[in-house]
Every structure is written in C-alpha cells, then in structure tokens.
C-alpha cells in the first residue's frame, strides 16, 4: 500500500496524525460567518473554527480540511481573494491549535446546545 500523498499547496499545517490539515486566517469579525458558511456548504471540504478574537476586532479562524480536500479549500480561498471580496490575511498556526485542542473545543461546543 502506498503512503498517502501530501497536499501540493504551501501554508497548510498537518495536525497530529495528518488526517486533518489547518490553514489560519485573520478576518474581520463580521466575515467569520461568511467563511464558515462558505466552507461548510461544500460537503466534506472543511470546517471553520474560531481560534481567538484580537483586540483590534479581527478574528483568527482556522480552516480544517481533510488531506484530500486541501487543494480544493485552497482554490476556494484563492477565488475569494481574486474576486476582491472578504479580505483576509494568512497567519501562523498558534501553538495551542493542536488536533486535540480542536477536537476538545468541537466536542465542548457541540454539548452546549
């Protein structure tokens, strides 16, 4: 059996077991929902998690994508950037953002309903 292939795009960080890859963006607060709905409307492409709110009102979000959808997610980001809508900047993945942190936050949030 051959090893799983790595995504061919830069800027994505593999999480612990490389089943999920992360890309971190800084967006305006009012744009968080846009990115969340954009990515989560494409079945299986990715999910968006809020990492932290900055003092300047921007929000750091993480886009998590399975290895097989990293290129698709990156193409969506480039399409957003090329069309001049929803400005964002790329950020480094904060050290706290491990696979365990994302999963524990996800489980905690799911139980809050």
PDB file of N, CA and C in Angstrom:
ATOM      1  N   UNK A   1       0.849  -1.172   0.000  1.00  0.00           N
ATOM      2  CA  UNK A   1       0.000   0.000   0.000  1.00  0.00           C
ATOM      3  C   UNK A   1       0.892   1.232   0.000  1.00  0.00           C
ATOM      4  N   UNK A   2       0.598   2.186  -0.855  1.00  0.00           N
ATOM      5  CA  UNK A   2       1.415   3.395  -0.932  1.00  0.00           C
ATOM      6  C   UNK A   2       1.026   4.376   0.178  1.00  0.00           C
ATOM      7  N   UNK A   3       1.971   5.227   0.550  1.00  0.00           N
ATOM      8  CA  UNK A   3       1.725   6.229   1.587  1.00  0.00           C
ATOM      9  C   UNK A   3       0.777   7.285   1.050  1.00  0.00           C
ATOM     10  N   UNK A   4      -0.054   7.863   1.940  1.00  0.00           N
ATOM     11  CA  UNK A   4      -0.948   8.937   1.485  1.00  0.00           C
ATOM     12  C   UNK A   4      -0.142  10.105   0.953  1.00  0.00           C
ATOM     13  N   UNK A   5      -0.626  10.712  -0.108  1.00  0.00           N
ATOM     14  CA  UNK A   5       0.116  11.821  -0.689  1.00  0.00           C
ATOM     15  C   UNK A   5      -0.140  13.099   0.092  1.00  0.00           C
ATOM     16  N   UNK A   6       0.889  13.930   0.137  1.00  0.00           N
ATOM     17  CA  UNK A   6       0.802  15.206   0.828  1.00  0.00           C
ATOM     18  C   UNK A   6       0.140  16.218  -0.110  1.00  0.00           C
ATOM     19  N   UNK A   7      -0.608  17.170   0.447  1.00  0.00           N
ATOM     20  CA  UNK A   7      -1.163  18.226  -0.402  1.00  0.00           C
ATOM     21  C   UNK A   7      -0.036  18.984  -1.091  1.00  0.00           C
ATOM     22  N   UNK A   8      -0.298  19.472  -2.281  1.00  0.00           N
ATOM     23  CA  UNK A   8       0.742  20.144  -3.061  1.00  0.00           C
ATOM     24  C   UNK A   8       0.726  21.658  -2.871  1.00  0.00           C
ATOM     25  N   UNK A   9       0.025  22.159  -1.870  1.00  0.00           N
ATOM     26  CA  UNK A   9      -0.029  23.596  -1.638  1.00  0.00           C
ATOM     27  C   UNK A   9       0.682  23.949  -0.340  1.00  0.00           C
ATOM     28  N   UNK A  10       1.342  25.086  -0.342  1.00  0.00           N
ATOM     29  CA  UNK A  10       2.069  25.547   0.845  1.00  0.00           C
ATOM     30  C   UNK A  10       1.111  26.253   1.801  1.00  0.00           C
ATOM     31  N   UNK A  11       1.545  26.364   3.048  1.00  0.00           N
ATOM     32  CA  UNK A  11       0.786  27.132   4.018  1.00  0.00           C
ATOM     33  C   UNK A  11      -0.159  26.323   4.883  1.00  0.00           C
ATOM     34  N   UNK A  12      -0.306  25.064   4.591  1.00  0.00           N
ATOM     35  CA  UNK A  12      -1.182  24.193   5.369  1.00  0.00           C
ATOM     36  C   UNK A  12      -0.335  23.391   6.347  1.00  0.00           C
ATOM     37  N   UNK A  13      -0.830  23.237   7.568  1.00  0.00           N
ATOM     38  CA  UNK A  13      -0.112  22.527   8.621  1.00  0.00           C
ATOM     39  C   UNK A  13      -0.831  21.224   8.946  1.00  0.00           C
ATOM     40  N   UNK A  14      -0.119  20.111   8.886  1.00  0.00           N
ATOM     41  CA  UNK A  14      -0.770  18.849   9.270  1.00  0.00           C
ATOM     42  C   UNK A  14      -0.962  18.807  10.781  1.00  0.00           C
ATOM     43  N   UNK A  15      -2.100  18.323  11.208  1.00  0.00           N
ATOM     44  CA  UNK A  15      -2.312  18.116  12.629  1.00  0.00           C
ATOM     45  C   UNK A  15      -1.765  16.740  12.987  1.00  0.00           C
ATOM     46  N   UNK A  16      -1.817  16.365  14.206  1.00  0.00           N
ATOM     47  CA  UNK A  16      -1.098  15.222  14.753  1.00  0.00           C
ATOM     48  C   UNK A  16      -0.966  14.020  13.817  1.00  0.00           C
ATOM     49  N   UNK A  17      -2.056  13.494  13.355  1.00  0.00           N
ATOM     50  CA  UNK A  17      -1.954  12.292  12.526  1.00  0.00           C
ATOM     51  C   UNK A  17      -2.107  12.578  11.038  1.00  0.00           C
ATOM     52  N   UNK A  18      -2.087  13.847  10.685  1.00  0.00           N
ATOM     53  CA  UNK A  18      -2.148  14.307   9.289  1.00  0.00           C
ATOM     54  C   UNK A  18      -3.433  13.915   8.577  1.00  0.00           C
ATOM     55  N   UNK A  19      -4.451  13.558   9.322  1.00  0.00           N
ATOM     56  CA  UNK A  19      -5.754  13.326   8.694  1.00  0.00           C
ATOM     57  C   UNK A  19      -6.459  14.657   8.458  1.00  0.00           C
ATOM     58  N   UNK A  20      -6.131  15.646   9.280  1.00  0.00           N
ATOM     59  CA  UNK A  20      -6.651  16.994   9.097  1.00  0.00           C
ATOM     60  C   UNK A  20      -5.482  17.949   8.911  1.00  0.00           C
ATOM     61  N   UNK A  21      -5.689  18.921   8.041  1.00  0.00           N
ATOM     62  CA  UNK A  21      -4.705  19.965   7.786  1.00  0.00           C
ATOM     63  C   UNK A  21      -5.348  21.294   8.133  1.00  0.00           C
ATOM     64  N   UNK A  22      -4.562  22.232   8.630  1.00  0.00           N
ATOM     65  CA  UNK A  22      -5.095  23.522   9.066  1.00  0.00           C
ATOM     66  C   UNK A  22      -4.456  24.674   8.311  1.00  0.00           C
ATOM     67  N   UNK A  23      -5.270  25.682   8.048  1.00  0.00           N
ATOM     68  CA  UNK A  23      -4.805  26.953   7.469  1.00  0.00           C
ATOM     69  C   UNK A  23      -5.452  28.037   8.299  1.00  0.00           C
ATOM     70  N   UNK A  24      -4.670  28.981   8.772  1.00  0.00           N
ATOM     71  CA  UNK A  24      -5.172  30.003   9.683  1.00  0.00           C
ATOM     72  C   UNK A  24      -5.302  31.339   8.947  1.00  0.00           C
ATOM     73  N   UNK A  25      -6.444  31.988   9.167  1.00  0.00           N
ATOM     74  CA  UNK A  25      -6.744  33.266   8.537  1.00  0.00           C
ATOM     75  C   UNK A  25      -7.125  34.282   9.602  1.00  0.00           C
ATOM     76  N   UNK A  26      -6.814  35.542   9.337  1.00  0.00           N
ATOM     77  CA  UNK A  26      -7.322  36.640  10.169  1.00  0.00           C
ATOM     78  C   UNK A  26      -8.340  37.372   9.309  1.00  0.00           C
ATOM     79  N   UNK A  27      -9.541  37.507   9.847  1.00  0.00           N
ATOM     80  CA  UNK A  27     -10.641  38.149   9.120  1.00  0.00           C
ATOM     81  C   UNK A  27     -11.311  39.180  10.016  1.00  0.00           C
ATOM     82  N   UNK A  28     -12.080  40.053   9.404  1.00  0.00           N
ATOM     83  CA  UNK A  28     -12.903  40.979  10.185  1.00  0.00           C
ATOM     84  C   UNK A  28     -13.990  40.161  10.886  1.00  0.00           C
ATOM     85  N   UNK A  29     -14.383  40.615  12.059  1.00  0.00           N
ATOM     86  CA  UNK A  29     -15.371  39.879  12.861  1.00  0.00           C
ATOM     87  C   UNK A  29     -16.631  39.538  12.063  1.00  0.00           C
ATOM     88  N   UNK A  30     -17.122  40.505  11.288  1.00  0.00           N
ATOM     89  CA  UNK A  30     -18.368  40.270  10.551  1.00  0.00           C
ATOM     90  C   UNK A  30     -18.204  39.277   9.403  1.00  0.00           C
ATOM     91  N   UNK A  31     -16.984  38.867   9.092  1.00  0.00           N
ATOM     92  CA  UNK A  31     -16.744  37.925   7.998  1.00  0.00           C
ATOM     93  C   UNK A  31     -16.625  36.468   8.461  1.00  0.00           C
ATOM     94  N   UNK A  32     -16.608  36.236   9.762  1.00  0.00           N
ATOM     95  CA  UNK A  32     -16.456  34.868  10.271  1.00  0.00           C
ATOM     96  C   UNK A  32     -17.559  33.972   9.720  1.00  0.00           C
ATOM     97  N   UNK A  33     -18.796  34.428   9.782  1.00  0.00           N
ATOM     98  CA  UNK A  33     -19.924  33.615   9.291  1.00  0.00           C
ATOM     99  C   UNK A  33     -19.795  33.342   7.793  1.00  0.00           C
ATOM    100  N   UNK A  34     -19.339  34.334   7.036  1.00  0.00           N
ATOM    101  CA  UNK A  34     -19.146  34.130   5.596  1.00  0.00           C
ATOM    102  C   UNK A  34     -18.223  32.938   5.336  1.00  0.00           C
ATOM    103  N   UNK A  35     -17.047  32.942   5.981  1.00  0.00           N
ATOM    104  CA  UNK A  35     -16.091  31.862   5.759  1.00  0.00           C
ATOM    105  C   UNK A  35     -16.627  30.529   6.286  1.00  0.00           C
ATOM    106  N   UNK A  36     -17.295  30.579   7.418  1.00  0.00           N
ATOM    107  CA  UNK A  36     -17.858  29.340   7.976  1.00  0.00           C
ATOM    108  C   UNK A  36     -18.869  28.720   7.007  1.00  0.00           C
ATOM    109  N   UNK A  37     -19.818  29.527   6.559  1.00  0.00           N
ATOM    110  CA  UNK A  37     -20.836  29.001   5.662  1.00  0.00           C
ATOM    111  C   UNK A  37     -20.266  28.641   4.293  1.00  0.00           C
ATOM    112  N   UNK A  38     -19.302  29.410   3.814  1.00  0.00           N
ATOM    113  CA  UNK A  38     -18.689  29.112   2.524  1.00  0.00           C
ATOM    114  C   UNK A  38     -18.076  27.714   2.524  1.00  0.00           C
ATOM    115  N   UNK A  39     -17.243  27.434   3.513  1.00  0.00           N
ATOM    116  CA  UNK A  39     -16.559  26.140   3.527  1.00  0.00           C
ATOM    117  C   UNK A  39     -17.446  25.000   3.973  1.00  0.00           C
ATOM    118  N   UNK A  40     -18.312  25.230   4.900  1.00  0.00           N
ATOM    119  CA  UNK A  40     -19.139  24.141   5.393  1.00  0.00           C
ATOM    120  C   UNK A  40     -20.301  23.822   4.461  1.00  0.00           C
ATOM    121  N   UNK A  41     -20.562  24.694   3.473  1.00  0.00           N
ATOM    122  CA  UNK A  41     -21.607  24.402   2.490  1.00  0.00           C
ATOM    123  C   UNK A  41     -21.126  23.402   1.439  1.00  0.00           C
ATOM    124  N   UNK A  42     -19.807  23.275   1.300  1.00  0.00           N
ATOM    125  CA  UNK A  42     -19.238  22.271   0.403  1.00  0.00           C
ATOM    126  C   UNK A  42     -19.041  20.996   1.223  1.00  0.00           C
ATOM    127  N   UNK A  43     -19.839  20.005   0.986  1.00  0.00           N
ATOM    128  CA  UNK A  43     -19.812  18.766   1.766  1.00  0.00           C
ATOM    129  C   UNK A  43     -18.415  18.169   1.842  1.00  0.00           C
ATOM    130  N   UNK A  44     -17.878  18.096   3.045  1.00  0.00           N
ATOM    131  CA  UNK A  44     -16.611  17.430   3.274  1.00  0.00           C
ATOM    132  C   UNK A  44     -15.355  18.236   2.999  1.00  0.00           C
ATOM    133  N   UNK A  45     -15.475  19.458   2.470  1.00  0.00           N
ATOM    134  CA  UNK A  45     -14.279  20.232   2.137  1.00  0.00           C
ATOM    135  C   UNK A  45     -13.568  20.707   3.388  1.00  0.00           C
ATOM    136  N   UNK A  46     -14.297  21.234   4.338  1.00  0.00           N
ATOM    137  CA  UNK A  46     -13.636  21.710   5.537  1.00  0.00           C
ATOM    138  C   UNK A  46     -14.596  22.303   6.533  1.00  0.00           C
ATOM    139  N   UNK A  47     -14.058  22.571   7.714  1.00  0.00           N
ATOM    140  CA  UNK A  47     -14.812  23.244   8.747  1.00  0.00           C
ATOM    141  C   UNK A  47     -13.984  24.434   9.228  1.00  0.00           C
ATOM    142  N   UNK A  48     -14.670  25.401   9.787  1.00  0.00           N
ATOM    143  CA  UNK A  48     -14.010  26.604  10.286  1.00  0.00           C
ATOM    144  C   UNK A  48     -14.205  26.662  11.794  1.00  0.00           C
ATOM    145  N   UNK A  49     -13.111  26.892  12.502  1.00  0.00           N
ATOM    146  CA  UNK A  49     -13.143  27.039  13.964  1.00  0.00           C
ATOM    147  C   UNK A  49     -12.561  28.400  14.320  1.00  0.00           C
ATOM    148  N   UNK A  50     -13.191  29.083  15.253  1.00  0.00           N
ATOM    149  CA  UNK A  50     -12.654  30.344  15.748  1.00  0.00           C
ATOM    150  C   UNK A  50     -11.540  30.033  16.734  1.00  0.00           C
ATOM    151  N   UNK A  51     -10.395  30.661  16.539  1.00  0.00           N
ATOM    152  CA  UNK A  51      -9.246  30.451  17.418  1.00  0.00           C
ATOM    153  C   UNK A  51      -9.218  31.524  18.498  1.00  0.00           C
ATOM    154  N   UNK A  52      -9.265  32.806  18.081  1.00  0.00           N
ATOM    155  CA  UNK A  52      -9.266  33.878  19.070  1.00  0.00           C
ATOM    156  C   UNK A  52      -9.701  35.184  18.429  1.00  0.00           C
ATOM    157  N   UNK A  53     -10.255  36.060  19.272  1.00  0.00           N
ATOM    158  CA  UNK A  53     -10.609  37.405  18.848  1.00  0.00           C
ATOM    159  C   UNK A  53      -9.486  38.336  19.272  1.00  0.00           C
ATOM    160  N   UNK A  54      -9.064  39.169  18.345  1.00  0.00           N
ATOM    161  CA  UNK A  54      -7.966  40.093  18.600  1.00  0.00           C
ATOM    162  C   UNK A  54      -8.499  41.418  19.160  1.00  0.00           C
ATOM    163  N   UNK A  55      -7.629  42.178  19.810  1.00  0.00           N
ATOM    164  CA  UNK A  55      -8.020  43.471  20.383  1.00  0.00           C
ATOM    165  C   UNK A  55      -8.469  44.469  19.318  1.00  0.00           C
ATOM    166  N   UNK A  56      -7.957  44.308  18.096  1.00  0.00           N
ATOM    167  CA  UNK A  56      -8.340  45.232  17.024  1.00  0.00           C
ATOM    168  C   UNK A  56      -9.681  44.880  16.377  1.00  0.00           C
ATOM    169  N   UNK A  57     -10.355  43.856  16.912  1.00  0.00           N
ATOM    170  CA  UNK A  57     -11.663  43.463  16.388  1.00  0.00           C
ATOM    171  C   UNK A  57     -11.615  42.402  15.312  1.00  0.00           C
ATOM    172  N   UNK A  58     -10.434  42.047  14.854  1.00  0.00           N
ATOM    173  CA  UNK A  58     -10.335  40.959  13.886  1.00  0.00           C
ATOM    174  C   UNK A  58     -10.398  39.622  14.626  1.00  0.00           C
ATOM    175  N   UNK A  59     -10.622  38.583  13.878  1.00  0.00           N
ATOM    176  CA  UNK A  59     -10.752  37.244  14.450  1.00  0.00           C
ATOM    177  C   UNK A  59      -9.816  36.296  13.718  1.00  0.00           C
ATOM    178  N   UNK A  60      -9.133  35.473  14.474  1.00  0.00           N
ATOM    179  CA  UNK A  60      -8.280  34.438  13.897  1.00  0.00           C
ATOM    180  C   UNK A  60      -9.123  33.172  13.816  1.00  0.00           C
ATOM    181  N   UNK A  61      -9.250  32.653  12.602  1.00  0.00           N
ATOM    182  CA  UNK A  61     -10.012  31.419  12.393  1.00  0.00           C
ATOM    183  C   UNK A  61      -9.094  30.371  11.770  1.00  0.00           C
ATOM    184  N   UNK A  62      -9.446  29.134  11.988  1.00  0.00           N
ATOM    185  CA  UNK A  62      -8.700  28.035  11.379  1.00  0.00           C
ATOM    186  C   UNK A  62      -9.629  27.269  10.459  1.00  0.00           C
ATOM    187  N   UNK A  63      -9.165  27.041   9.269  1.00  0.00           N
ATOM    188  CA  UNK A  63      -9.860  26.205   8.308  1.00  0.00           C
ATOM    189  C   UNK A  63      -9.235  24.826   8.420  1.00  0.00           C
ATOM    190  N   UNK A  64     -10.032  23.829   8.724  1.00  0.00           N
ATOM    191  CA  UNK A  64      -9.557  22.452   8.844  1.00  0.00           C
ATOM    192  C   UNK A  64     -10.110  21.652   7.675  1.00  0.00           C
ATOM    193  N   UNK A  65      -9.219  20.981   6.965  1.00  0.00           N
ATOM    194  CA  UNK A  65      -9.626  20.218   5.789  1.00  0.00           C
ATOM    195  C   UNK A  65      -8.964  18.843   5.812  1.00  0.00           C
ATOM    196  N   UNK A  66      -9.684  17.824   5.365  1.00  0.00           N
ATOM    197  CA  UNK A  66      -9.048  16.522   5.193  1.00  0.00           C
ATOM    198  C   UNK A  66      -7.998  16.617   4.082  1.00  0.00           C
ATOM    199  N   UNK A  67      -7.004  15.795   4.150  1.00  0.00           N
ATOM    200  CA  UNK A  67      -5.904  15.804   3.173  1.00  0.00           C
ATOM    201  C   UNK A  67      -6.416  15.850   1.737  1.00  0.00           C
ATOM    202  N   UNK A  68      -7.429  15.072   1.424  1.00  0.00           N
ATOM    203  CA  UNK A  68      -7.928  15.000   0.049  1.00  0.00           C
ATOM    204  C   UNK A  68      -8.622  16.275  -0.426  1.00  0.00           C
ATOM    205  N   UNK A  69      -8.939  17.200   0.488  1.00  0.00           N
ATOM    206  CA  UNK A  69      -9.644  18.420   0.108  1.00  0.00           C
ATOM    207  C   UNK A  69      -8.823  19.693   0.316  1.00  0.00           C
ATOM    208  N   UNK A  70      -7.554  19.556   0.685  1.00  0.00           N
ATOM    209  CA  UNK A  70      -6.725  20.742   0.906  1.00  0.00           C
ATOM    210  C   UNK A  70      -6.622  21.579  -0.367  1.00  0.00           C
ATOM    211  N   UNK A  71      -6.381  20.944  -1.510  1.00  0.00           N
ATOM    212  CA  UNK A  71      -6.260  21.695  -2.758  1.00  0.00           C
ATOM    213  C   UNK A  71      -7.568  22.396  -3.117  1.00  0.00           C
ATOM    214  N   UNK A  72      -8.685  21.745  -2.857  1.00  0.00           N
ATOM    215  CA  UNK A  72      -9.997  22.352  -3.130  1.00  0.00           C
ATOM    216  C   UNK A  72     -10.202  23.561  -2.218  1.00  0.00           C
ATOM    217  N   UNK A  73      -9.903  23.400  -0.938  1.00  0.00           N
ATOM    218  CA  UNK A  73     -10.053  24.506   0.010  1.00  0.00           C
ATOM    219  C   UNK A  73      -9.157  25.683  -0.372  1.00  0.00           C
ATOM    220  N   UNK A  74      -7.938  25.378  -0.777  1.00  0.00           N
ATOM    221  CA  UNK A  74      -7.014  26.446  -1.190  1.00  0.00           C
ATOM    222  C   UNK A  74      -7.539  27.155  -2.441  1.00  0.00           C
ATOM    223  N   UNK A  75      -8.108  26.414  -3.367  1.00  0.00           N
ATOM    224  CA  UNK A  75      -8.677  27.022  -4.578  1.00  0.00           C
ATOM    225  C   UNK A  75      -9.838  27.947  -4.222  1.00  0.00           C
ATOM    226  N   UNK A  76     -10.638  27.568  -3.241  1.00  0.00           N
ATOM    227  CA  UNK A  76     -11.742  28.425  -2.796  1.00  0.00           C
ATOM    228  C   UNK A  76     -11.184  29.717  -2.206  1.00  0.00           C
ATOM    229  N   UNK A  77     -10.144  29.610  -1.367  1.00  0.00           N
ATOM    230  CA  UNK A  77      -9.521  30.802  -0.790  1.00  0.00           C
ATOM    231  C   UNK A  77      -8.970  31.725  -1.875  1.00  0.00           C
ATOM    232  N   UNK A  78      -8.323  31.145  -2.864  1.00  0.00           N
ATOM    233  CA  UNK A  78      -7.766  31.965  -3.944  1.00  0.00           C
ATOM    234  C   UNK A  78      -8.870  32.624  -4.753  1.00  0.00           C
ATOM    235  N   UNK A  79      -9.975  31.925  -4.950  1.00  0.00           N
ATOM    236  CA  UNK A  79     -11.104  32.506  -5.669  1.00  0.00           C
ATOM    237  C   UNK A  79     -11.671  33.699  -4.897  1.00  0.00           C
ATOM    238  N   UNK A  80     -11.792  33.549  -3.576  1.00  0.00           N
ATOM    239  CA  UNK A  80     -12.268  34.663  -2.750  1.00  0.00           C
ATOM    240  C   UNK A  80     -11.312  35.848  -2.882  1.00  0.00           C
ATOM    241  N   UNK A  81     -10.014  35.580  -2.787  1.00  0.00           N
ATOM    242  CA  UNK A  81      -9.011  36.654  -2.871  1.00  0.00           C
ATOM    243  C   UNK A  81      -9.043  37.325  -4.255  1.00  0.00           C
ATOM    244  N   UNK A  82      -9.125  36.551  -5.329  1.00  0.00           N
ATOM    245  CA  UNK A  82      -9.106  37.107  -6.689  1.00  0.00           C
ATOM    246  C   UNK A  82     -10.326  37.953  -6.993  1.00  0.00           C
ATOM    247  N   UNK A  83     -11.444  37.621  -6.406  1.00  0.00           N
ATOM    248  CA  UNK A  83     -12.668  38.379  -6.670  1.00  0.00           C
ATOM    249  C   UNK A  83     -12.737  39.654  -5.849  1.00  0.00           C
ATOM    250  N   UNK A  84     -11.746  39.869  -4.970  1.00  0.00           N
ATOM    251  CA  UNK A  84     -11.685  41.111  -4.213  1.00  0.00           C
ATOM    252  C   UNK A  84     -12.687  41.228  -3.086  1.00  0.00           C
ATOM    253  N   UNK A  85     -13.282  40.136  -2.710  1.00  0.00           N
ATOM    254  CA  UNK A  85     -14.271  40.160  -1.632  1.00  0.00           C
ATOM    255  C   UNK A  85     -13.681  39.540  -0.365  1.00  0.00           C
ATOM    256  N   UNK A  86     -14.245  39.903   0.741  1.00  0.00           N
ATOM    257  CA  UNK A  86     -13.896  39.295   2.020  1.00  0.00           C
ATOM    258  C   UNK A  86     -12.383  39.261   2.268  1.00  0.00           C
ATOM    259  N   UNK A  87     -11.774  40.420   2.512  1.00  0.00           N
ATOM    260  CA  UNK A  87     -10.318  40.433   2.715  1.00  0.00           C
ATOM    261  C   UNK A  87      -9.898  39.603   3.922  1.00  0.00           C
ATOM    262  N   UNK A  88      -8.759  38.965   3.793  1.00  0.00           N
ATOM    263  CA  UNK A  88      -8.206  38.170   4.882  1.00  0.00           C
ATOM    264  C   UNK A  88      -6.699  38.132   4.734  1.00  0.00           C
ATOM    265  N   UNK A  89      -6.039  37.782   5.807  1.00  0.00           N
ATOM    266  CA  UNK A  89      -4.596  37.562   5.776  1.00  0.00           C
ATOM    267  C   UNK A  89      -4.322  36.188   6.362  1.00  0.00           C
ATOM    268  N   UNK A  90      -3.226  35.603   5.927  1.00  0.00           N
ATOM    269  CA  UNK A  90      -2.821  34.315   6.476  1.00  0.00           C
ATOM    270  C   UNK A  90      -2.021  34.540   7.749  1.00  0.00           C
ATOM    271  N   UNK A  91      -2.173  33.645   8.696  1.00  0.00           N
ATOM    272  CA  UNK A  91      -1.465  33.700   9.969  1.00  0.00           C
ATOM    273  C   UNK A  91      -0.773  32.357  10.199  1.00  0.00           C
ATOM    274  N   UNK A  92       0.170  32.363  11.123  1.00  0.00           N
ATOM    275  CA  UNK A  92       0.795  31.116  11.549  1.00  0.00           C
ATOM    276  C   UNK A  92      -0.168  30.374  12.466  1.00  0.00           C
ATOM    277  N   UNK A  93      -0.097  29.066  12.470  1.00  0.00           N
ATOM    278  CA  UNK A  93      -0.917  28.258  13.354  1.00  0.00           C
ATOM    279  C   UNK A  93      -0.417  28.434  14.784  1.00  0.00           C
ATOM    280  N   UNK A  94      -1.254  28.979  15.693  1.00  0.00           N
ATOM    281  CA  UNK A  94      -0.813  29.131  17.078  1.00  0.00           C
ATOM    282  C   UNK A  94      -0.491  27.774  17.706  1.00  0.00           C
ATOM    283  N   UNK A  95       0.460  27.770  18.623  1.00  0.00           N
ATOM    284  CA  UNK A  95       0.898  26.521  19.253  1.00  0.00           C
ATOM    285  C   UNK A  95      -0.239  25.781  19.949  1.00  0.00           C
ATOM    286  N   UNK A  96      -1.223  26.524  20.463  1.00  0.00           N
ATOM    287  CA  UNK A  96      -2.340  25.890  21.165  1.00  0.00           C
ATOM    288  C   UNK A  96      -3.200  25.043  20.217  1.00  0.00           C
ATOM    289  N   UNK A  97      -3.125  25.330  18.938  1.00  0.00           N
ATOM    290  CA  UNK A  97      -4.002  24.694  17.956  1.00  0.00           C
ATOM    291  C   UNK A  97      -3.472  23.333  17.514  1.00  0.00           C
ATOM    292  N   UNK A  98      -3.622  22.385  18.381  1.00  0.00           N
ATOM    293  CA  UNK A  98      -3.283  21.005  18.055  1.00  0.00           C
ATOM    294  C   UNK A  98      -4.570  20.284  17.692  1.00  0.00           C
ATOM    295  N   UNK A  99      -4.438  19.099  17.173  1.00  0.00           N
ATOM    296  CA  UNK A  99      -5.629  18.324  16.848  1.00  0.00           C
ATOM    297  C   UNK A  99      -6.471  18.094  18.096  1.00  0.00           C
ATOM    298  N   UNK A 100      -5.829  17.806  19.230  1.00  0.00           N
ATOM    299  CA  UNK A 100      -6.561  17.583  20.475  1.00  0.00           C
ATOM    300  C   UNK A 100      -7.337  18.830  20.890  1.00  0.00           C
ATOM    301  N   UNK A 101      -6.735  20.024  20.725  1.00  0.00           N
ATOM    302  CA  UNK A 101      -7.411  21.265  21.092  1.00  0.00           C
ATOM    303  C   UNK A 101      -8.641  21.466  20.220  1.00  0.00           C
ATOM    304  N   UNK A 102      -8.499  21.287  18.905  1.00  0.00           N
ATOM    305  CA  UNK A 102      -9.636  21.466  18.010  1.00  0.00           C
ATOM    306  C   UNK A 102     -10.754  20.489  18.346  1.00  0.00           C
ATOM    307  N   UNK A 103     -10.401  19.236  18.555  1.00  0.00           N
ATOM    308  CA  UNK A 103     -11.424  18.233  18.837  1.00  0.00           C
ATOM    309  C   UNK A 103     -12.100  18.475  20.178  1.00  0.00           C
ATOM    310  N   UNK A 104     -11.350  18.849  21.209  1.00  0.00           N
ATOM    311  CA  UNK A 104     -11.958  19.109  22.516  1.00  0.00           C
ATOM    312  C   UNK A 104     -12.866  20.329  22.443  1.00  0.00           C
ATOM    313  N   UNK A 105     -12.464  21.350  21.691  1.00  0.00           N
ATOM    314  CA  UNK A 105     -13.306  22.531  21.523  1.00  0.00           C
ATOM    315  C   UNK A 105     -14.567  22.184  20.765  1.00  0.00           C
ATOM    316  N   UNK A 106     -14.444  21.360  19.750  1.00  0.00           N
ATOM    317  CA  UNK A 106     -15.570  20.927  18.947  1.00  0.00           C
ATOM    318  C   UNK A 106     -16.584  20.150  19.801  1.00  0.00           C
ATOM    319  N   UNK A 107     -16.080  19.213  20.603  1.00  0.00           N
ATOM    320  CA  UNK A 107     -16.951  18.413  21.470  1.00  0.00           C
ATOM    321  C   UNK A 107     -17.619  19.311  22.508  1.00  0.00           C
ATOM    322  N   UNK A 108     -16.859  20.235  23.112  1.00  0.00           N
ATOM    323  CA  UNK A 108     -17.413  21.151  24.111  1.00  0.00           C
ATOM    324  C   UNK A 108     -18.524  21.992  23.490  1.00  0.00           C
ATOM    325  N   UNK A 109     -18.270  22.546  22.310  1.00  0.00           N
ATOM    326  CA  UNK A 109     -19.268  23.379  21.646  1.00  0.00           C
ATOM    327  C   UNK A 109     -20.511  22.584  21.256  1.00  0.00           C
ATOM    328  N   UNK A 110     -20.340  21.349  20.836  1.00  0.00           N
ATOM    329  CA  UNK A 110     -21.462  20.512  20.442  1.00  0.00           C
ATOM    330  C   UNK A 110     -22.348  20.193  21.638  1.00  0.00           C
ATOM    331  N   UNK A 111     -21.762  20.074  22.813  1.00  0.00           N
ATOM    332  CA  UNK A 111     -22.519  19.774  24.015  1.00  0.00           C
ATOM    333  C   UNK A 111     -23.237  20.973  24.596  1.00  0.00           C
ATOM    334  N   UNK A 112     -22.948  22.160  24.066  1.00  0.00           N
ATOM    335  CA  UNK A 112     -23.533  23.384  24.607  1.00  0.00           C
ATOM    336  C   UNK A 112     -24.970  23.608  24.146  1.00  0.00           C
ATOM    337  N   UNK A 113     -25.436  22.827  23.212  1.00  0.00           N
ATOM    338  CA  UNK A 113     -26.793  23.035  22.660  1.00  0.00           C
ATOM    339  C   UNK A 113     -27.872  22.761  23.649  1.00  0.00           C
TER     340      UNK A 113
END
